[in-house]
Structure formats: structure tokens, C-alpha cells
Amino acid sequence: MSGVVESLRVDLPQTYESIPGFLGALVLEKPGGNHVIALTVWDGEDGLRASEGYADEFAERIGDAIGTSVSRNVYRVIGTTGIAPASEQ
């Protein structure tokens, strides 16, 4: 799992920063476990759609490392606390 985490730490930012609309990413690993959450934030749906192939690749890497399926979900931001929307930055 540590290899996958390191790969995400290095590859994910380089990959996504090249896609217009990418605002940032947060990758979380559960201590002592085999659970990873990768959250990417996009300014609009065009960048999100452009990232889908990469997201599938990252999900496959994680799934192979932990031996289970990985789910991908898309959410709309309905509110924030302490984080200004891109339109306000």
C-alpha cells in the first residue's frame, strides 16, 4: 500500500495540474489500515470529465494494492466552511 500512496503523492498532482479547471486534491490514508480516500476539486464539469480516465487509472492502482474494488463518486459542493469557492478567490 505504501507504494500506491507514494505514487498518488507524486503522480496525482502532476497529472491533474495539467487539466484546466483543477483546483486541488486531498489524499487521505487511514492509519494502520488499507483505506485511501482521494478527493479532487474541480471548477466546473469540463475538467472533471477530462480527468475521468486518470481517475479510473488511480482507482485501479488502489484496488490492485488493497485487493478490493474501489468506488468513485461525483458530488456537487453545496456549502463550505473556511474554504472560499473559486469564484470568490
Foldseek 3Di string as FASTA:
>chain_A
DVVLVVCCVPPVCVVLVVFPFWDDWDWDDDPPDLDIDIDTGGDDCVSVVVCVVVVVVSQVSSCVVRVHHDDDDDDDDPDDDPDDDPVVD
